[in-house]
Amino acid sequence: MGTIANVGNKGKGIRSDCFVSLELTTGGGLEIDLKSKVQVLYGKSILKQVKEILEFFEIENAKVQIEDTGALPFVIAARMEAVIKKVKETDKEYLFPVLEQNKYATEKDRRRFSRLYLPGNTPMLFVNAGIHCPDGIILDLEDAVAPDKKHEARFIVRNALRNCDFYGAERMVRINQVPKGLEDLRYIIPHNVNLLLVPKCEGADQIDMVNAEIEKVKKENSIDASIWLMPIIESTLGVEKAFEIAGAKNVVAMAVGLEDYTADLGTRRSEEGQESFFARSRVVNACKAHGIQAIDSVYSDVSNMDGLRENVLRSKALGFDGMGCIHPRQIGVINENFGPDAAEIEKARKIVIAFDEATEKGLGVVALGSKMIDPPVVKRAQRTIKMALDMGLLANTWKEDYYEEIR
């Protein structure tokens, strides 16, 4: 009897996934036992796919048991490859094509109000995540994946990056803590990722290690696209090193993780956040000093929308540009309240118009009434206008409307 390996999820509440057991044998050909909730409709196509994968990996004799709860083809393929590589050494990869609608890069200063965390080994949460319109979708290989499931999660995340529709959201992956997280990169870098989150970061040297490995994998795979980094500050040492981390290569945003930080501090996280005020302020200041985005921690009470709104407003007042979320229902509240309000838009309109008028007249200074407007203030106002336009909070005819209003 050969080695038996298992991967996947099964049991109550599991959907869009499968559990696969594989035993290599010395003869007898292929024995495939499929139990599927969609057997009548898709049983034949699932069996065909499984046989194709076994043939691709040159397996002629094996016993395979599959318990399917409606897994998509990219999930079945990931589970099959993961279980095969538990019992057979091979460098071959069974890859799906990258979806055409996912072939987009993201800009350094892209809006990142909301980022939705999805456990990397739970594909039932992937399929429709993009329709909730988060700015980013994070496939998590770190805390959300049990240690004995990290091997198989890499294949699910890899296949999702290639074959799951993200509906325009920034494609993000949270790797494991460096140096272990470096092992994740070859499953991610060649497969259409936009941004990597680096957890529990405590120094720019860790970012340098990630960048070096990224460049190595990019060179091996002839990849030119930029891959951005978002370190997560989750310890007292990380807070002290925030400035140097924020200035590291390819870092476009830096987040703070308050659950681990408060544990390291030896206190409990509170609703008001007094215990984390110093850390959050220091992270924001480091980000602004380097011209990158500051991203706040998640709000864990997914049923408290009023509490979430107050938390977002406090976060925005501190200078944060966005925050994480752990449930789709949080996305709308986060996006709405990190966006500019009516007073901010109105002030930005006046500043930008004053700047445009001064520019047309060839003036070297910009004034609004009796007040001089500095270039950073103009730049911030221009960003506010762009954001309001992108969010549909301002009409494209806003300039014409302004002059019409003051007639």
Protein backbone atom coordinates (compact mmCIF):
# COMPACT_ATOMS: atom_id res chain seq x y z
CA MET A 1 0.00 0.00 0.00
CA GLY A 2 1.37 3.44 -0.96
CA THR A 3 1.33 6.73 0.87
CA ILE A 4 -2.11 8.29 1.33
CA ALA A 5 -2.43 12.08 1.25
CA ASN A 6 -5.44 14.34 1.85
CA VAL A 7 -6.20 17.97 1.03
CA GLY A 8 -9.23 20.24 0.96
CA ASN A 9 -12.26 20.93 3.10
CA LYS A 10 -15.38 18.92 3.85
CA GLY A 11 -18.18 18.88 6.37
CA LYS A 12 -21.12 21.02 7.38
CA GLY A 13 -21.24 24.47 5.84
CA ILE A 14 -18.56 23.81 3.20
CA ARG A 15 -19.49 24.99 -0.29
CA SER A 16 -17.66 25.44 -3.60
CA ASP A 17 -14.82 23.20 -2.44
CA CYS A 18 -13.74 19.58 -2.41
CA PHE A 19 -11.84 17.11 -0.27
CA VAL A 20 -9.40 14.86 -2.12
CA SER A 21 -7.67 11.70 -0.94
CA LEU A 22 -4.94 10.14 -3.11
CA GLU A 23 -3.04 6.87 -2.80
CA LEU A 24 -0.41 5.87 -5.34
CA THR A 25 -0.55 2.15 -6.17
CA THR A 26 1.76 -0.25 -8.01
CA GLY A 27 -0.89 -1.42 -10.43
CA GLY A 28 -4.56 -1.54 -11.22
CA GLY A 29 -4.78 1.71 -13.16
CA LEU A 30 -6.84 4.63 -11.92
CA GLU A 31 -9.71 4.15 -9.48
CA ILE A 32 -11.67 7.39 -8.99
CA ASP A 33 -14.52 7.52 -6.49
CA LEU A 34 -16.46 10.77 -6.91
CA LYS A 35 -19.23 11.94 -4.61
CA SER A 36 -20.54 15.33 -5.69
CA LYS A 37 -23.51 17.54 -4.90
CA VAL A 38 -23.58 18.39 -8.61
CA GLN A 39 -22.92 14.87 -9.86
CA VAL A 40 -25.91 14.75 -12.21
CA LEU A 41 -24.95 17.97 -13.98
CA TYR A 42 -21.17 17.96 -13.79
CA GLY A 43 -20.04 14.50 -12.69
CA LYS A 44 -18.67 13.54 -16.11
CA SER A 45 -16.79 16.79 -16.60
CA ILE A 46 -15.24 16.54 -13.10
CA LEU A 47 -14.05 13.00 -13.78
CA LYS A 48 -12.64 14.11 -17.13
CA GLN A 49 -10.74 16.96 -15.49
CA VAL A 50 -9.35 14.73 -12.73
CA LYS A 51 -8.13 12.17 -15.27
CA GLU A 52 -6.49 14.93 -17.35
CA ILE A 53 -4.64 16.22 -14.27
CA LEU A 54 -3.46 12.74 -13.29
CA GLU A 55 -2.26 12.18 -16.85
CA PHE A 56 -0.50 15.58 -16.86
CA PHE A 57 1.47 14.55 -13.78
CA GLU A 58 2.14 11.09 -15.29
CA ILE A 59 0.21 9.13 -12.69
CA GLU A 60 -1.09 5.86 -14.13
CA ASN A 61 -1.91 3.88 -10.99
CA ALA A 62 -3.75 5.45 -8.08
CA LYS A 63 -6.85 5.43 -5.94
CA VAL A 64 -8.59 8.80 -5.74
CA GLN A 65 -11.54 9.74 -3.55
CA ILE A 66 -13.25 13.08 -4.05
CA GLU A 67 -16.01 14.63 -1.96
CA ASP A 68 -17.20 17.66 -3.94
CA THR A 69 -19.50 20.44 -2.76
CA GLY A 70 -19.67 22.35 -6.04
CA ALA A 71 -16.03 23.31 -6.51
CA LEU A 72 -15.14 25.33 -9.59
CA PRO A 73 -12.60 23.80 -12.00
CA PHE A 74 -9.73 26.00 -10.73
CA VAL A 75 -10.42 24.77 -7.19
CA ILE A 76 -10.53 21.10 -8.21
CA ALA A 77 -7.27 21.57 -10.11
CA ALA A 78 -5.61 23.22 -7.11
CA ARG A 79 -6.71 20.45 -4.76
CA MET A 80 -5.55 17.76 -7.17
CA GLU A 81 -2.14 19.35 -7.72
CA ALA A 82 -1.63 19.90 -3.99
CA VAL A 83 -2.42 16.30 -3.11
CA ILE A 84 -0.26 14.95 -5.94
CA LYS A 85 2.71 17.02 -4.80
CA LYS A 86 2.35 15.56 -1.32
CA VAL A 87 3.15 12.10 -2.68
CA LYS A 88 5.24 12.81 -5.78
CA GLU A 89 8.14 15.18 -6.44
CA THR A 90 7.57 17.21 -9.60
CA ASP A 91 8.26 20.73 -10.83
CA LYS A 92 5.36 20.69 -13.30
CA GLU A 93 2.46 23.11 -12.76
CA TYR A 94 -1.09 22.62 -13.98
CA LEU A 95 -2.04 26.19 -14.79
CA PHE A 96 -5.27 27.81 -15.94
CA PRO A 97 -5.09 30.80 -18.29
CA VAL A 98 -5.25 34.28 -16.76
CA LEU A 99 -8.71 35.79 -17.27
CA GLU A 100 -8.68 38.64 -19.78
CA GLN A 101 -10.66 40.90 -17.43
CA ASN A 102 -7.95 40.49 -14.78
CA LYS A 103 -5.08 41.68 -16.95
CA TYR A 104 -4.61 45.07 -15.36
CA ALA A 105 -1.83 46.67 -13.36
CA THR A 106 -2.39 49.04 -10.44
CA GLU A 107 -0.86 52.44 -9.78
CA LYS A 108 1.32 53.36 -6.82
CA ASP A 109 -1.22 55.92 -5.54
CA ARG A 110 -4.35 53.92 -6.34
CA ARG A 111 -7.26 54.46 -3.95
CA ARG A 112 -7.10 51.89 -1.13
CA PHE A 113 -9.98 52.79 1.19
CA SER A 114 -11.05 49.18 1.73
CA ARG A 115 -9.29 45.85 1.49
CA LEU A 116 -11.23 42.62 2.10
CA TYR A 117 -9.42 39.73 3.79
CA LEU A 118 -10.28 36.24 2.50
CA PRO A 119 -8.76 33.07 4.03
CA GLY A 120 -6.48 31.57 1.40
CA ASN A 121 -7.73 28.01 1.89
CA THR A 122 -11.45 28.82 1.77
CA PRO A 123 -12.37 29.17 -1.92
CA MET A 124 -16.10 29.39 -1.26
CA LEU A 125 -15.45 33.01 -0.20
CA PHE A 126 -13.52 33.94 -3.36
CA VAL A 127 -16.06 33.54 -6.10
CA ASN A 128 -18.26 36.60 -5.57
CA ALA A 129 -15.98 38.77 -3.42
CA GLY A 130 -15.37 41.30 -6.19
CA ILE A 131 -19.05 42.19 -6.65
CA HIS A 132 -19.01 43.94 -3.26
CA CYS A 133 -16.60 46.53 -4.74
CA PRO A 134 -13.71 46.57 -2.27
CA ASP A 135 -10.68 48.51 -3.46
CA GLY A 136 -8.56 45.44 -2.81
CA ILE A 137 -9.09 41.72 -2.24
CA ILE A 138 -6.54 40.00 0.00
CA LEU A 139 -6.01 36.27 -0.36
CA ASP A 140 -4.49 35.47 3.01
CA LEU A 141 -1.78 32.82 3.42
CA GLU A 142 -0.85 33.86 6.95
CA ASP A 143 -3.03 33.95 10.08
CA ALA A 144 -6.23 32.82 8.33
CA VAL A 145 -4.65 29.50 7.26
CA ALA A 146 -3.83 26.70 9.69
CA PRO A 147 -0.15 25.63 9.66
CA ASP A 148 -0.93 22.18 8.23
CA LYS A 149 -3.01 23.74 5.42
CA LYS A 150 -0.49 26.29 4.12
CA HIS A 151 0.88 23.93 1.45
CA GLU A 152 -2.48 23.43 -0.21
CA ALA A 153 -3.55 27.05 0.27
CA ARG A 154 -0.72 28.19 -2.00
CA PHE A 155 -2.23 26.30 -4.94
CA ILE A 156 -5.71 27.69 -4.28
CA VAL A 157 -4.37 31.26 -4.11
CA ARG A 158 -2.23 30.77 -7.22
CA ASN A 159 -5.18 29.44 -9.24
CA ALA A 160 -7.53 32.15 -7.92
CA LEU A 161 -5.11 34.86 -9.05
CA ARG A 162 -5.23 33.39 -12.55
CA ASN A 163 -8.82 32.27 -12.90
CA CYS A 164 -11.07 34.10 -10.41
CA ASP A 165 -12.72 37.36 -11.49
CA PHE A 166 -11.65 40.21 -9.16
CA TYR A 167 -14.03 42.72 -10.81
CA GLY A 168 -11.33 45.41 -10.94
CA ALA A 169 -10.22 45.13 -7.29
CA GLU A 170 -6.50 45.25 -6.60
CA ARG A 171 -5.27 41.66 -6.36
CA MET A 172 -3.47 41.32 -3.03
CA VAL A 173 -1.88 38.41 -1.18
CA ARG A 174 -0.73 38.41 2.44
CA ILE A 175 2.31 36.18 2.60
CA ASN A 176 3.61 34.49 5.72
CA GLN A 177 6.03 36.25 8.03
CA VAL A 178 9.52 36.68 6.61
CA PRO A 179 11.64 34.58 6.14
CA LYS A 180 9.03 31.80 5.79
CA GLY A 181 6.94 34.04 3.55
CA LEU A 182 9.70 34.08 0.94
CA GLU A 183 8.70 30.50 0.10
CA ASP A 184 5.23 31.77 -0.86
CA LEU A 185 6.52 34.08 -3.58
CA ARG A 186 7.11 31.56 -6.36
CA TYR A 187 3.43 30.57 -6.07
CA ILE A 188 2.35 34.21 -6.36
CA ILE A 189 4.71 36.44 -8.33
CA PRO A 190 4.27 34.74 -11.76
CA HIS A 191 0.51 34.62 -11.42
CA ASN A 192 -0.97 38.09 -11.79
CA VAL A 193 -0.61 39.63 -8.32
CA ASN A 194 -0.63 43.42 -7.84
CA LEU A 195 0.39 43.87 -4.21
CA LEU A 196 1.87 41.81 -1.38
CA LEU A 197 1.18 42.38 2.30
CA VAL A 198 4.19 41.63 4.51
CA PRO A 199 2.96 40.78 8.03
CA LYS A 200 4.66 41.48 11.35
CA CYS A 201 7.30 43.60 9.66
CA GLU A 202 10.02 44.81 12.03
CA GLY A 203 12.64 46.33 9.76
CA ALA A 204 13.46 47.51 6.25
CA ASP A 205 15.81 44.52 5.91
CA GLN A 206 12.77 42.25 5.74
CA ILE A 207 11.36 44.33 2.88
CA ASP A 208 14.76 44.14 1.16
CA MET A 209 14.63 40.34 1.39
CA VAL A 210 11.14 40.29 -0.14
CA ASN A 211 12.18 42.64 -2.94
CA ALA A 212 15.25 40.53 -3.74
CA GLU A 213 13.18 37.37 -4.01
CA ILE A 214 10.53 39.14 -6.09
CA GLU A 215 13.19 40.31 -8.56
CA LYS A 216 14.62 36.80 -8.76
CA VAL A 217 11.24 35.25 -9.56
CA LYS A 218 10.33 38.07 -11.98
CA LYS A 219 13.57 37.55 -13.88
CA GLU A 220 13.03 33.79 -14.08
CA ASN A 221 9.52 34.34 -15.47
CA SER A 222 10.21 37.41 -17.68
CA ILE A 223 7.82 39.62 -15.70
CA ASP A 224 7.98 43.41 -16.08
CA ALA A 225 4.92 44.51 -14.10
CA SER A 226 5.38 46.38 -10.83
CA ILE A 227 4.50 44.47 -7.67
CA TRP A 228 3.79 46.77 -4.75
CA LEU A 229 4.35 46.09 -1.07
CA MET A 230 2.29 46.89 2.03
CA PRO A 231 4.15 46.06 5.25
CA ILE A 232 1.98 45.52 8.32
CA ILE A 233 3.24 46.95 11.62
CA GLU A 234 2.11 44.58 14.40
CA SER A 235 4.66 44.89 17.21
CA THR A 236 6.28 47.48 19.42
CA LEU A 237 9.57 47.03 17.54
CA GLY A 238 7.74 47.48 14.24
CA VAL A 239 6.30 50.77 15.48
CA GLU A 240 9.78 51.98 16.41
CA LYS A 241 11.05 51.00 12.92
CA ALA A 242 8.02 52.41 11.06
CA PHE A 243 9.90 55.28 9.39
CA GLU A 244 12.62 53.11 7.86
CA ILE A 245 10.09 50.50 6.73
CA ALA A 246 7.88 53.11 5.06
CA GLY A 247 10.86 54.30 3.00
CA ALA A 248 11.81 50.88 1.63
CA LYS A 249 11.68 50.10 -2.10
CA ASN A 250 8.27 49.35 -3.68
CA VAL A 251 6.35 50.17 -0.48
CA VAL A 252 3.22 52.09 -1.50
CA ALA A 253 1.25 51.76 1.73
CA MET A 254 1.84 50.65 5.30
CA ALA A 255 -0.77 49.14 7.60
CA VAL A 256 -1.03 48.71 11.33
CA GLY A 257 -2.35 45.50 12.90
CA LEU A 258 -3.73 46.29 16.32
CA GLU A 259 -4.64 42.84 17.62
CA ASP A 260 -1.02 41.66 17.66
CA TYR A 261 0.29 45.09 18.61
CA THR A 262 -1.86 45.40 21.73
CA ALA A 263 -0.93 41.83 22.71
CA ASP A 264 2.75 42.78 22.37
CA LEU A 265 2.05 45.90 24.41
CA GLY A 266 0.48 43.77 27.13
CA THR A 267 -2.93 45.42 27.01
CA ARG A 268 -6.34 44.89 25.42
CA ARG A 269 -7.67 46.62 22.34
CA SER A 270 -10.49 49.01 23.18
CA GLU A 271 -13.21 50.70 21.14
CA GLU A 272 -11.75 54.16 21.81
CA GLY A 273 -8.22 53.09 20.89
CA GLN A 274 -6.32 55.08 23.52
CA GLU A 275 -3.83 52.24 23.95
CA SER A 276 -2.95 52.31 20.23
CA PHE A 277 -3.03 56.08 19.64
CA PHE A 278 0.76 56.40 19.71
CA ALA A 279 1.32 53.49 17.34
CA ARG A 280 -1.31 54.60 14.86
CA SER A 281 -0.06 58.19 14.89
CA ARG A 282 3.52 57.05 14.39
CA VAL A 283 2.56 54.84 11.45
CA VAL A 284 0.57 57.68 9.85
CA ASN A 285 3.44 60.14 10.34
CA ALA A 286 5.98 57.72 8.83
CA CYS A 287 3.73 57.15 5.81
CA LYS A 288 3.09 60.83 5.19
CA ALA A 289 6.79 61.63 5.54
CA HIS A 290 7.53 59.18 2.72
CA GLY A 291 4.49 60.07 0.61
CA ILE A 292 2.76 56.69 0.88
CA GLN A 293 -0.69 55.62 2.11
CA ALA A 294 -1.43 54.84 5.75
CA ILE A 295 -3.84 51.94 6.29
CA ASP A 296 -5.60 51.30 9.59
CA SER A 297 -6.37 47.97 11.26
CA VAL A 298 -9.59 45.98 10.83
CA TYR A 299 -12.71 46.57 12.92
CA SER A 300 -13.66 43.16 14.25
CA ASP A 301 -17.34 43.61 15.22
CA VAL A 302 -18.97 42.86 11.86
CA SER A 303 -22.49 43.44 13.20
CA ASN A 304 -21.87 46.96 14.52
CA MET A 305 -22.15 49.33 11.57
CA ASP A 306 -22.49 52.43 13.75
CA GLY A 307 -19.35 51.47 15.64
CA LEU A 308 -17.55 50.86 12.36
CA ARG A 309 -18.57 54.27 11.04
CA GLU A 310 -17.28 56.01 14.17
CA ASN A 311 -14.06 54.03 13.94
CA VAL A 312 -13.58 55.04 10.29
CA LEU A 313 -14.13 58.71 11.11
CA ARG A 314 -11.59 58.54 13.95
CA SER A 315 -9.19 56.79 11.63
CA LYS A 316 -9.63 59.37 8.89
CA ALA A 317 -9.15 62.18 11.41
CA LEU A 318 -5.79 60.68 12.39
CA GLY A 319 -4.69 60.75 8.76
CA PHE A 320 -5.30 57.18 7.63
CA ASP A 321 -6.22 56.60 3.99
CA GLY A 322 -8.08 53.31 4.40
CA MET A 323 -8.53 50.23 6.54
CA GLY A 324 -8.99 46.49 6.35
CA CYS A 325 -12.28 44.64 6.59
CA ILE A 326 -13.21 41.06 7.37
CA HIS A 327 -16.77 40.99 6.01
CA PRO A 328 -18.27 42.34 2.77
CA ARG A 329 -20.95 44.27 4.69
CA GLN A 330 -18.20 46.54 6.05
CA ILE A 331 -17.01 47.68 2.61
CA GLY A 332 -19.74 50.23 1.88
CA VAL A 333 -19.40 51.95 5.26
CA ILE A 334 -15.61 52.13 4.91
CA ASN A 335 -15.68 53.46 1.35
CA GLU A 336 -18.36 56.03 2.06
CA ASN A 337 -16.76 57.47 5.18
CA PHE A 338 -13.18 57.53 3.94
CA GLY A 339 -14.45 59.39 0.91
CA PRO A 340 -14.66 63.19 0.95
CA ASP A 341 -17.74 64.73 2.56
CA ALA A 342 -19.68 67.69 1.17
CA ALA A 343 -17.64 70.27 3.09
CA GLU A 344 -14.34 68.79 1.90
CA ILE A 345 -15.52 68.73 -1.71
CA GLU A 346 -16.73 72.32 -1.57
CA LYS A 347 -13.45 73.54 -0.10
CA ALA A 348 -11.49 71.58 -2.71
CA ARG A 349 -13.59 73.09 -5.51
CA LYS A 350 -12.76 76.63 -4.38
CA ILE A 351 -9.04 75.87 -4.00
CA VAL A 352 -8.68 74.18 -7.39
CA ILE A 353 -10.59 76.94 -9.17
CA ALA A 354 -8.46 79.58 -7.44
CA PHE A 355 -5.35 77.70 -8.55
CA ASP A 356 -6.58 77.40 -12.16
CA GLU A 357 -7.44 81.11 -12.28
CA ALA A 358 -4.03 82.07 -10.88
CA THR A 359 -2.31 79.82 -13.40
CA GLU A 360 -4.24 81.36 -16.30
CA LYS A 361 -3.18 84.83 -15.13
CA GLY A 362 0.45 83.75 -14.79
CA LEU A 363 0.50 84.47 -11.06
CA GLY A 364 3.14 82.81 -8.91
CA VAL A 365 0.94 82.58 -5.84
CA VAL A 366 -2.54 81.22 -5.24
CA ALA A 367 -4.94 83.04 -2.96
CA LEU A 368 -8.40 82.18 -1.69
CA GLY A 369 -9.85 85.40 -0.36
CA SER A 370 -7.09 86.87 1.81
CA LYS A 371 -5.44 83.53 2.45
CA MET A 372 -2.40 82.23 0.55
CA ILE A 373 -2.68 78.61 -0.62
CA ASP A 374 0.49 76.49 -0.51
CA PRO A 375 1.24 73.90 -3.26
CA PRO A 376 0.66 70.89 -0.93
CA VAL A 377 -2.82 72.23 -0.14
CA VAL A 378 -3.55 72.59 -3.86
CA LYS A 379 -2.32 69.06 -4.51
CA ARG A 380 -4.53 67.67 -1.74
CA ALA A 381 -7.53 69.56 -3.13
CA GLN A 382 -6.86 68.16 -6.60
CA ARG A 383 -6.79 64.65 -5.13
CA THR A 384 -10.09 65.32 -3.36
CA ILE A 385 -11.70 66.46 -6.62
CA LYS A 386 -10.42 63.38 -8.46
CA MET A 387 -11.68 61.14 -5.68
CA ALA A 388 -15.10 62.81 -5.68
CA LEU A 389 -15.34 62.37 -9.45
CA ASP A 390 -14.30 58.72 -9.25
CA MET A 391 -16.87 58.03 -6.54
CA GLY A 392 -19.67 59.82 -8.37
CA LEU A 393 -19.91 62.50 -5.67
CA LEU A 394 -19.18 65.29 -8.13
CA ALA A 395 -20.40 65.88 -11.67
CA ASN A 396 -17.92 66.18 -14.53
CA THR A 397 -19.35 69.66 -15.10
CA TRP A 398 -18.36 70.79 -11.58
CA LYS A 399 -16.40 73.81 -12.81
CA GLU A 400 -19.21 75.07 -15.00
CA ASP A 401 -21.65 74.44 -12.17
CA TYR A 402 -19.47 76.46 -9.79
CA TYR A 403 -19.40 79.54 -12.01
CA GLU A 404 -23.12 79.18 -12.57
CA GLU A 405 -23.67 79.15 -8.79
CA ILE A 406 -21.68 82.35 -8.15
CA ARG A 407 -23.32 84.41 -10.92
